[in-house]
All heavy atoms as atom14 arrays in JSON, in Angstrom:
{
  "sequence": "MYDVVPIASTPDVLRLVAVPVFAWAAVRDVKTRRISSSVWVPLS",
  "atom14_mask": [
    [1, 1, 1, 1, 1, 1, 1, 1, 0, 0, 0, 0, 0, 0],
    [1, 1, 1, 1, 1, 1, 1, 1, 1, 1, 1, 1, 0, 0],
    [1, 1, 1, 1, 1, 1, 1, 1, 0, 0, 0, 0, 0, 0],
    [1, 1, 1, 1, 1, 1, 1, 0, 0, 0, 0, 0, 0, 0],
    [1, 1, 1, 1, 1, 1, 1, 0, 0, 0, 0, 0, 0, 0],
    [1, 1, 1, 1, 1, 1, 1, 0, 0, 0, 0, 0, 0, 0],
    [1, 1, 1, 1, 1, 1, 1, 1, 0, 0, 0, 0, 0, 0],
    [1, 1, 1, 1, 1, 0, 0, 0, 0, 0, 0, 0, 0, 0],
    [1, 1, 1, 1, 1, 1, 0, 0, 0, 0, 0, 0, 0, 0],
    [1, 1, 1, 1, 1, 1, 1, 0, 0, 0, 0, 0, 0, 0],
    [1, 1, 1, 1, 1, 1, 1, 0, 0, 0, 0, 0, 0, 0],
    [1, 1, 1, 1, 1, 1, 1, 1, 0, 0, 0, 0, 0, 0],
    [1, 1, 1, 1, 1, 1, 1, 0, 0, 0, 0, 0, 0, 0],
    [1, 1, 1, 1, 1, 1, 1, 1, 0, 0, 0, 0, 0, 0],
    [1, 1, 1, 1, 1, 1, 1, 1, 1, 1, 1, 0, 0, 0],
    [1, 1, 1, 1, 1, 1, 1, 1, 0, 0, 0, 0, 0, 0],
    [1, 1, 1, 1, 1, 1, 1, 0, 0, 0, 0, 0, 0, 0],
    [1, 1, 1, 1, 1, 0, 0, 0, 0, 0, 0, 0, 0, 0],
    [1, 1, 1, 1, 1, 1, 1, 0, 0, 0, 0, 0, 0, 0],
    [1, 1, 1, 1, 1, 1, 1, 0, 0, 0, 0, 0, 0, 0],
    [1, 1, 1, 1, 1, 1, 1, 0, 0, 0, 0, 0, 0, 0],
    [1, 1, 1, 1, 1, 1, 1, 1, 1, 1, 1, 0, 0, 0],
    [1, 1, 1, 1, 1, 0, 0, 0, 0, 0, 0, 0, 0, 0],
    [1, 1, 1, 1, 1, 1, 1, 1, 1, 1, 1, 1, 1, 1],
    [1, 1, 1, 1, 1, 0, 0, 0, 0, 0, 0, 0, 0, 0],
    [1, 1, 1, 1, 1, 0, 0, 0, 0, 0, 0, 0, 0, 0],
    [1, 1, 1, 1, 1, 1, 1, 0, 0, 0, 0, 0, 0, 0],
    [1, 1, 1, 1, 1, 1, 1, 1, 1, 1, 1, 0, 0, 0],
    [1, 1, 1, 1, 1, 1, 1, 1, 0, 0, 0, 0, 0, 0],
    [1, 1, 1, 1, 1, 1, 1, 0, 0, 0, 0, 0, 0, 0],
    [1, 1, 1, 1, 1, 1, 1, 1, 1, 0, 0, 0, 0, 0],
    [1, 1, 1, 1, 1, 1, 1, 0, 0, 0, 0, 0, 0, 0],
    [1, 1, 1, 1, 1, 1, 1, 1, 1, 1, 1, 0, 0, 0],
    [1, 1, 1, 1, 1, 1, 1, 1, 1, 1, 1, 0, 0, 0],
    [1, 1, 1, 1, 1, 1, 1, 1, 0, 0, 0, 0, 0, 0],
    [1, 1, 1, 1, 1, 1, 0, 0, 0, 0, 0, 0, 0, 0],
    [1, 1, 1, 1, 1, 1, 0, 0, 0, 0, 0, 0, 0, 0],
    [1, 1, 1, 1, 1, 1, 0, 0, 0, 0, 0, 0, 0, 0],
    [1, 1, 1, 1, 1, 1, 1, 0, 0, 0, 0, 0, 0, 0],
    [1, 1, 1, 1, 1, 1, 1, 1, 1, 1, 1, 1, 1, 1],
    [1, 1, 1, 1, 1, 1, 1, 0, 0, 0, 0, 0, 0, 0],
    [1, 1, 1, 1, 1, 1, 1, 0, 0, 0, 0, 0, 0, 0],
    [1, 1, 1, 1, 1, 1, 1, 1, 0, 0, 0, 0, 0, 0],
    [1, 1, 1, 1, 1, 1, 0, 0, 0, 0, 0, 0, 0, 0]
  ],
  "atom14_positions": [
    [[130.38, -10.22, 299.25], [130.24, -10.0, 300.71], [131.47, -9.27, 301.22], [132.6, -9.65, 300.95], [130.1, -11.35, 301.42], [129.79, -11.23, 302.9], [129.43, -12.85, 303.63], [129.07, -12.33, 305.31], [0.0, 0.0, 0.0], [0.0, 0.0, 0.0], [0.0, 0.0, 0.0], [0.0, 0.0, 0.0], [0.0, 0.0, 0.0], [0.0, 0.0, 0.0]],
    [[131.25, -8.22, 301.99], [132.33, -7.38, 302.44], [133.09, -8.03, 303.58], [132.53, -8.72, 304.43], [131.8, -6.02, 302.9], [131.23, -5.18, 301.79], [129.95, -4.65, 301.91], [131.96, -4.93, 300.64], [129.41, -3.87, 300.88], [131.44, -4.16, 299.63], [130.16, -3.64, 299.75], [129.64, -2.89, 298.74], [0.0, 0.0, 0.0], [0.0, 0.0, 0.0]],
    [[134.38, -7.74, 303.6], [135.23, -8.17, 304.71], [134.95, -7.27, 305.9], [135.01, -6.05, 305.79], [136.7, -8.04, 304.29], [137.63, -8.59, 305.34], [137.12, -9.06, 306.37], [138.85, -8.54, 305.11], [0.0, 0.0, 0.0], [0.0, 0.0, 0.0], [0.0, 0.0, 0.0], [0.0, 0.0, 0.0], [0.0, 0.0, 0.0], [0.0, 0.0, 0.0]],
    [[134.61, -7.86, 307.07], [134.25, -7.07, 308.24], [135.46, -6.78, 309.12], [135.34, -6.12, 310.14], [133.16, -7.78, 309.08], [131.9, -7.9, 308.28], [133.63, -9.15, 309.56], [0.0, 0.0, 0.0], [0.0, 0.0, 0.0], [0.0, 0.0, 0.0], [0.0, 0.0, 0.0], [0.0, 0.0, 0.0], [0.0, 0.0, 0.0], [0.0, 0.0, 0.0]],
    [[136.62, -7.3, 308.75], [137.82, -7.04, 309.54], [138.33, -5.64, 309.18], [138.58, -5.34, 308.02], [138.92, -8.08, 309.25], [140.17, -7.75, 310.03], [138.41, -9.47, 309.59], [0.0, 0.0, 0.0], [0.0, 0.0, 0.0], [0.0, 0.0, 0.0], [0.0, 0.0, 0.0], [0.0, 0.0, 0.0], [0.0, 0.0, 0.0], [0.0, 0.0, 0.0]],
    [[138.44, -4.75, 310.19], [138.89, -3.39, 309.87], [140.33, -3.37, 309.38], [141.21, -3.99, 309.96], [138.74, -2.66, 311.2], [138.79, -3.72, 312.24], [138.2, -4.93, 311.62], [0.0, 0.0, 0.0], [0.0, 0.0, 0.0], [0.0, 0.0, 0.0], [0.0, 0.0, 0.0], [0.0, 0.0, 0.0], [0.0, 0.0, 0.0], [0.0, 0.0, 0.0]],
    [[140.54, -2.64, 308.27], [141.88, -2.47, 307.73], [142.37, -1.09, 308.15], [141.76, -0.07, 307.82], [141.89, -2.61, 306.2], [141.35, -3.99, 305.8], [143.28, -2.39, 305.65], [141.2, -4.17, 304.31], [0.0, 0.0, 0.0], [0.0, 0.0, 0.0], [0.0, 0.0, 0.0], [0.0, 0.0, 0.0], [0.0, 0.0, 0.0], [0.0, 0.0, 0.0]],
    [[143.46, -1.05, 308.89], [143.99, 0.22, 309.37], [145.46, 0.04, 309.69], [146.0, -1.08, 309.67], [143.23, 0.67, 310.62], [0.0, 0.0, 0.0], [0.0, 0.0, 0.0], [0.0, 0.0, 0.0], [0.0, 0.0, 0.0], [0.0, 0.0, 0.0], [0.0, 0.0, 0.0], [0.0, 0.0, 0.0], [0.0, 0.0, 0.0], [0.0, 0.0, 0.0]],
    [[146.14, 1.13, 309.96], [147.54, 1.04, 310.36], [147.63, 0.34, 311.71], [146.66, 0.33, 312.49], [148.16, 2.43, 310.44], [147.57, 3.16, 311.52], [0.0, 0.0, 0.0], [0.0, 0.0, 0.0], [0.0, 0.0, 0.0], [0.0, 0.0, 0.0], [0.0, 0.0, 0.0], [0.0, 0.0, 0.0], [0.0, 0.0, 0.0], [0.0, 0.0, 0.0]],
    [[148.78, -0.24, 312.0], [148.95, -0.94, 313.27], [148.7, -0.03, 314.47], [148.0, -0.43, 315.42], [150.35, -1.56, 313.35], [150.53, -2.47, 312.25], [150.54, -2.31, 314.67], [0.0, 0.0, 0.0], [0.0, 0.0, 0.0], [0.0, 0.0, 0.0], [0.0, 0.0, 0.0], [0.0, 0.0, 0.0], [0.0, 0.0, 0.0], [0.0, 0.0, 0.0]],
    [[149.23, 1.21, 314.49], [148.93, 2.1, 315.62], [147.44, 2.36, 315.8], [146.94, 2.38, 316.93], [149.69, 3.4, 315.27], [150.82, 2.94, 314.41], [150.25, 1.82, 313.59], [0.0, 0.0, 0.0], [0.0, 0.0, 0.0], [0.0, 0.0, 0.0], [0.0, 0.0, 0.0], [0.0, 0.0, 0.0], [0.0, 0.0, 0.0], [0.0, 0.0, 0.0]],
    [[146.71, 2.56, 314.69], [145.28, 2.82, 314.79], [144.52, 1.61, 315.33], [143.55, 1.74, 316.08], [144.71, 3.24, 313.44], [145.03, 4.69, 313.1], [145.52, 5.41, 314.01], [144.83, 5.09, 311.94], [0.0, 0.0, 0.0], [0.0, 0.0, 0.0], [0.0, 0.0, 0.0], [0.0, 0.0, 0.0], [0.0, 0.0, 0.0], [0.0, 0.0, 0.0]],
    [[144.94, 0.42, 314.94], [144.31, -0.8, 315.46], [144.56, -0.91, 316.97], [143.64, -1.22, 317.75], [144.82, -2.05, 314.73], [144.32, -3.32, 315.42], [144.38, -2.05, 313.27], [0.0, 0.0, 0.0], [0.0, 0.0, 0.0], [0.0, 0.0, 0.0], [0.0, 0.0, 0.0], [0.0, 0.0, 0.0], [0.0, 0.0, 0.0], [0.0, 0.0, 0.0]],
    [[145.79, -0.64, 317.39], [146.12, -0.72, 318.81], [145.36, 0.32, 319.62], [145.07, 0.09, 320.8], [147.63, -0.55, 319.0], [148.51, -1.69, 318.46], [149.99, -1.34, 318.6], [148.21, -2.99, 319.21], [0.0, 0.0, 0.0], [0.0, 0.0, 0.0], [0.0, 0.0, 0.0], [0.0, 0.0, 0.0], [0.0, 0.0, 0.0], [0.0, 0.0, 0.0]],
    [[145.04, 1.44, 319.0], [144.31, 2.49, 319.72], [142.91, 2.04, 320.12], [142.31, 2.59, 321.03], [144.22, 3.76, 318.85], [145.52, 4.53, 318.76], [145.35, 5.83, 317.99], [146.57, 6.63, 318.08], [147.55, 6.63, 317.17], [147.44, 5.86, 316.1], [148.64, 7.36, 317.35], [0.0, 0.0, 0.0], [0.0, 0.0, 0.0], [0.0, 0.0, 0.0]],
    [[142.37, 1.04, 319.44], [141.02, 0.58, 319.73], [140.91, -0.07, 321.12], [139.8, -0.27, 321.62], [140.55, -0.42, 318.66], [140.31, 0.17, 317.28], [139.93, -0.93, 316.3], [139.22, 1.24, 317.32], [0.0, 0.0, 0.0], [0.0, 0.0, 0.0], [0.0, 0.0, 0.0], [0.0, 0.0, 0.0], [0.0, 0.0, 0.0], [0.0, 0.0, 0.0]],
    [[142.05, -0.36, 321.75], [142.01, -0.9, 323.11], [141.37, 0.12, 324.05], [140.87, -0.25, 325.14], [143.42, -1.29, 323.58], [144.26, -0.06, 323.9], [143.35, -2.2, 324.81], [0.0, 0.0, 0.0], [0.0, 0.0, 0.0], [0.0, 0.0, 0.0], [0.0, 0.0, 0.0], [0.0, 0.0, 0.0], [0.0, 0.0, 0.0], [0.0, 0.0, 0.0]],
    [[141.37, 1.39, 323.66], [140.78, 2.42, 324.51], [139.27, 2.22, 324.67], [138.7, 2.63, 325.69], [141.06, 3.8, 323.9], [0.0, 0.0, 0.0], [0.0, 0.0, 0.0], [0.0, 0.0, 0.0], [0.0, 0.0, 0.0], [0.0, 0.0, 0.0], [0.0, 0.0, 0.0], [0.0, 0.0, 0.0], [0.0, 0.0, 0.0], [0.0, 0.0, 0.0]],
    [[138.62, 1.62, 323.69], [137.16, 1.47, 323.74], [136.73, 0.61, 324.93], [135.92, 1.05, 325.76], [136.61, 0.93, 322.41], [135.11, 0.68, 322.52], [136.91, 1.91, 321.28], [0.0, 0.0, 0.0], [0.0, 0.0, 0.0], [0.0, 0.0, 0.0], [0.0, 0.0, 0.0], [0.0, 0.0, 0.0], [0.0, 0.0, 0.0], [0.0, 0.0, 0.0]],
    [[137.23, -0.64, 325.07], [136.81, -1.42, 326.24], [137.29, -0.83, 327.56], [136.61, -0.94, 328.57], [137.42, -2.8, 325.98], [138.53, -2.57, 325.0], [138.08, -1.45, 324.16], [0.0, 0.0, 0.0], [0.0, 0.0, 0.0], [0.0, 0.0, 0.0], [0.0, 0.0, 0.0], [0.0, 0.0, 0.0], [0.0, 0.0, 0.0], [0.0, 0.0, 0.0]],
    [[138.47, -0.2, 327.57], [138.98, 0.4, 328.81], [138.06, 1.54, 329.26], [137.68, 1.63, 330.44], [140.42, 0.92, 328.62], [140.85, 1.72, 329.85], [141.37, -0.24, 328.39], [0.0, 0.0, 0.0], [0.0, 0.0, 0.0], [0.0, 0.0, 0.0], [0.0, 0.0, 0.0], [0.0, 0.0, 0.0], [0.0, 0.0, 0.0], [0.0, 0.0, 0.0]],
    [[137.67, 2.41, 328.33], [136.79, 3.52, 328.68], [135.39, 3.06, 329.0], [134.7, 3.67, 329.83], [136.78, 4.56, 327.56], [137.88, 5.58, 327.67], [139.19, 5.27, 327.29], [137.62, 6.84, 328.17], [140.2, 6.21, 327.41], [138.63, 7.79, 328.29], [139.93, 7.47, 327.91], [0.0, 0.0, 0.0], [0.0, 0.0, 0.0], [0.0, 0.0, 0.0]],
    [[134.93, 1.98, 328.36], [133.62, 1.42, 328.69], [133.61, 0.93, 330.13], [132.68, 1.22, 330.9], [133.27, 0.29, 327.74], [0.0, 0.0, 0.0], [0.0, 0.0, 0.0], [0.0, 0.0, 0.0], [0.0, 0.0, 0.0], [0.0, 0.0, 0.0], [0.0, 0.0, 0.0], [0.0, 0.0, 0.0], [0.0, 0.0, 0.0], [0.0, 0.0, 0.0]],
    [[134.66, 0.2, 330.5], [134.77, -0.3, 331.88], [134.86, 0.87, 332.87], [134.21, 0.85, 333.92], [136.01, -1.18, 332.01], [136.26, -1.63, 333.41], [135.75, -2.72, 334.05], [137.12, -0.98, 334.38], [136.22, -2.79, 335.35], [137.05, -1.74, 335.58], [137.92, 0.15, 334.35], [137.77, -1.38, 336.71], [138.63, 0.51, 335.49], [138.54, -0.25, 336.65]],
    [[135.67, 1.87, 332.55], [135.85, 3.01, 333.45], [134.55, 3.78, 333.63], [134.23, 4.23, 334.75], [136.93, 3.95, 332.9], [0.0, 0.0, 0.0], [0.0, 0.0, 0.0], [0.0, 0.0, 0.0], [0.0, 0.0, 0.0], [0.0, 0.0, 0.0], [0.0, 0.0, 0.0], [0.0, 0.0, 0.0], [0.0, 0.0, 0.0], [0.0, 0.0, 0.0]],
    [[133.77, 3.94, 332.54], [132.51, 4.66, 332.64], [131.52, 3.92, 333.55], [130.86, 4.53, 334.39], [131.91, 4.86, 331.25], [0.0, 0.0, 0.0], [0.0, 0.0, 0.0], [0.0, 0.0, 0.0], [0.0, 0.0, 0.0], [0.0, 0.0, 0.0], [0.0, 0.0, 0.0], [0.0, 0.0, 0.0], [0.0, 0.0, 0.0], [0.0, 0.0, 0.0]],
    [[131.43, 2.6, 333.37], [130.51, 1.81, 334.19], [130.95, 1.85, 335.65], [130.12, 2.02, 336.56], [130.46, 0.35, 333.69], [129.69, -0.53, 334.68], [129.82, 0.29, 332.32], [0.0, 0.0, 0.0], [0.0, 0.0, 0.0], [0.0, 0.0, 0.0], [0.0, 0.0, 0.0], [0.0, 0.0, 0.0], [0.0, 0.0, 0.0], [0.0, 0.0, 0.0]],
    [[132.23, 1.7, 335.89], [132.73, 1.72, 337.27], [132.53, 3.09, 337.92], [132.19, 3.19, 339.11], [134.2, 1.35, 337.31], [134.79, 1.34, 338.73], [136.17, 0.75, 338.78], [136.72, 0.84, 340.13], [136.41, 0.03, 341.13], [135.53, -0.95, 340.93], [136.96, 0.17, 342.32], [0.0, 0.0, 0.0], [0.0, 0.0, 0.0], [0.0, 0.0, 0.0]],
    [[132.7, 4.15, 337.14], [132.53, 5.5, 337.69], [131.07, 5.75, 338.08], [130.79, 6.41, 339.08], [132.98, 6.54, 336.67], [133.51, 7.8, 337.34], [133.71, 7.78, 338.56], [133.75, 8.8, 336.63], [0.0, 0.0, 0.0], [0.0, 0.0, 0.0], [0.0, 0.0, 0.0], [0.0, 0.0, 0.0], [0.0, 0.0, 0.0], [0.0, 0.0, 0.0]],
    [[130.16, 5.19, 337.29], [128.73, 5.34, 337.63], [128.42, 4.59, 338.92], [127.69, 5.08, 339.78], [127.85, 4.81, 336.48], [126.4, 4.68, 336.93], [127.93, 5.73, 335.27], [0.0, 0.0, 0.0], [0.0, 0.0, 0.0], [0.0, 0.0, 0.0], [0.0, 0.0, 0.0], [0.0, 0.0, 0.0], [0.0, 0.0, 0.0], [0.0, 0.0, 0.0]],
    [[129.0, 3.39, 339.08], [128.68, 2.55, 340.23], [129.39, 2.99, 341.5], [128.83, 2.9, 342.6], [129.04, 1.09, 339.93], [128.14, 0.44, 338.88], [128.52, -1.02, 338.68], [127.57, -1.71, 337.72], [127.93, -3.14, 337.53], [0.0, 0.0, 0.0], [0.0, 0.0, 0.0], [0.0, 0.0, 0.0], [0.0, 0.0, 0.0], [0.0, 0.0, 0.0]],
    [[130.64, 3.44, 341.38], [131.44, 3.69, 342.58], [131.95, 5.13, 342.7], [132.37, 5.54, 343.79], [132.67, 2.77, 342.62], [133.59, 3.13, 341.58], [132.25, 1.31, 342.45], [0.0, 0.0, 0.0], [0.0, 0.0, 0.0], [0.0, 0.0, 0.0], [0.0, 0.0, 0.0], [0.0, 0.0, 0.0], [0.0, 0.0, 0.0], [0.0, 0.0, 0.0]],
    [[131.93, 5.9, 341.62], [132.5, 7.24, 341.58], [133.99, 7.23, 341.95], [134.53, 8.23, 342.4], [131.77, 8.2, 342.55], [130.33, 8.48, 342.2], [130.16, 9.12, 340.83], [128.87, 9.74, 340.66], [127.76, 9.1, 340.29], [127.8, 7.81, 340.06], [126.61, 9.76, 340.16], [0.0, 0.0, 0.0], [0.0, 0.0, 0.0], [0.0, 0.0, 0.0]],
    [[134.63, 6.11, 341.74], [136.05, 6.0, 342.05], [136.75, 5.26, 340.91], [136.37, 4.16, 340.55], [136.29, 5.22, 343.36], [135.61, 5.78, 344.6], [136.16, 7.14, 344.98], [135.64, 7.61, 346.25], [134.48, 8.23, 346.42], [133.69, 8.42, 345.36], [134.08, 8.65, 347.6], [0.0, 0.0, 0.0], [0.0, 0.0, 0.0], [0.0, 0.0, 0.0]],
    [[137.8, 5.89, 340.35], [138.62, 5.27, 339.32], [140.07, 5.39, 339.75], [140.58, 6.5, 339.94], [138.44, 5.94, 337.93], [136.98, 5.85, 337.48], [139.35, 5.28, 336.9], [136.51, 4.46, 337.18], [0.0, 0.0, 0.0], [0.0, 0.0, 0.0], [0.0, 0.0, 0.0], [0.0, 0.0, 0.0], [0.0, 0.0, 0.0], [0.0, 0.0, 0.0]],
    [[140.73, 4.26, 339.9], [142.13, 4.27, 340.31], [143.0, 4.88, 339.22], [142.79, 4.64, 338.02], [142.6, 2.85, 340.63], [143.98, 2.82, 340.86], [0.0, 0.0, 0.0], [0.0, 0.0, 0.0], [0.0, 0.0, 0.0], [0.0, 0.0, 0.0], [0.0, 0.0, 0.0], [0.0, 0.0, 0.0], [0.0, 0.0, 0.0], [0.0, 0.0, 0.0]],
    [[143.98, 5.66, 339.62], [144.91, 6.27, 338.66], [145.69, 5.21, 337.9], [146.18, 5.48, 336.78], [145.88, 7.21, 339.4], [145.19, 8.28, 339.99], [0.0, 0.0, 0.0], [0.0, 0.0, 0.0], [0.0, 0.0, 0.0], [0.0, 0.0, 0.0], [0.0, 0.0, 0.0], [0.0, 0.0, 0.0], [0.0, 0.0, 0.0], [0.0, 0.0, 0.0]],
    [[145.82, 4.03, 338.49], [146.58, 2.95, 337.83], [145.92, 2.5, 336.53], [146.58, 1.89, 335.68], [146.72, 1.75, 338.78], [145.45, 1.23, 339.13], [0.0, 0.0, 0.0], [0.0, 0.0, 0.0], [0.0, 0.0, 0.0], [0.0, 0.0, 0.0], [0.0, 0.0, 0.0], [0.0, 0.0, 0.0], [0.0, 0.0, 0.0], [0.0, 0.0, 0.0]],
    [[144.63, 2.81, 336.37], [143.94, 2.43, 335.13], [144.56, 3.13, 333.94], [144.66, 2.57, 332.84], [142.44, 2.79, 335.23], [141.73, 2.6, 333.89], [141.77, 1.97, 336.32], [0.0, 0.0, 0.0], [0.0, 0.0, 0.0], [0.0, 0.0, 0.0], [0.0, 0.0, 0.0], [0.0, 0.0, 0.0], [0.0, 0.0, 0.0], [0.0, 0.0, 0.0]],
    [[145.0, 4.39, 334.14], [145.46, 5.19, 333.02], [146.95, 5.0, 332.73], [147.42, 5.43, 331.66], [145.2, 6.66, 333.31], [143.79, 6.93, 333.75], [143.38, 7.41, 334.96], [142.6, 6.71, 332.99], [142.02, 7.52, 335.0], [141.5, 7.1, 333.8], [142.35, 6.23, 331.68], [140.19, 7.0, 333.37], [141.03, 6.14, 331.26], [139.97, 6.52, 332.09]],
    [[147.69, 4.36, 333.62], [149.14, 4.21, 333.42], [149.46, 3.38, 332.19], [150.22, 3.84, 331.3], [149.81, 3.62, 334.68], [151.28, 3.32, 334.41], [149.67, 4.58, 335.86], [0.0, 0.0, 0.0], [0.0, 0.0, 0.0], [0.0, 0.0, 0.0], [0.0, 0.0, 0.0], [0.0, 0.0, 0.0], [0.0, 0.0, 0.0], [0.0, 0.0, 0.0]],
    [[148.93, 2.14, 332.04], [149.27, 1.36, 330.84], [148.76, 2.0, 329.56], [149.42, 1.94, 328.51], [148.61, 0.0, 331.1], [147.57, 0.25, 332.14], [148.09, 1.36, 332.98], [0.0, 0.0, 0.0], [0.0, 0.0, 0.0], [0.0, 0.0, 0.0], [0.0, 0.0, 0.0], [0.0, 0.0, 0.0], [0.0, 0.0, 0.0], [0.0, 0.0, 0.0]],
    [[147.58, 2.65, 329.64], [147.04, 3.3, 328.45], [147.89, 4.52, 328.07], [148.1, 4.79, 326.88], [145.6, 3.72, 328.7], [144.7, 3.89, 327.48], [144.68, 2.62, 326.63], [143.28, 4.26, 327.9], [0.0, 0.0, 0.0], [0.0, 0.0, 0.0], [0.0, 0.0, 0.0], [0.0, 0.0, 0.0], [0.0, 0.0, 0.0], [0.0, 0.0, 0.0]],
    [[148.43, 5.21, 329.06], [149.32, 6.35, 328.79], [150.62, 5.87, 328.15], [151.14, 6.52, 327.23], [149.62, 7.1, 330.08], [148.46, 7.63, 330.65], [0.0, 0.0, 0.0], [0.0, 0.0, 0.0], [0.0, 0.0, 0.0], [0.0, 0.0, 0.0], [0.0, 0.0, 0.0], [0.0, 0.0, 0.0], [0.0, 0.0, 0.0], [0.0, 0.0, 0.0]]
  ]
}
């Protein structure tokens, strides 16, 4: 049985935080057409 835990470098693992952030931003943009610039500060 395969291990389902992704093996990657630490930076690449940390980069995956972009997936939930962009998912939230996409949903919010559809609903409100407004995304605060503060969303991108910690990700930057």
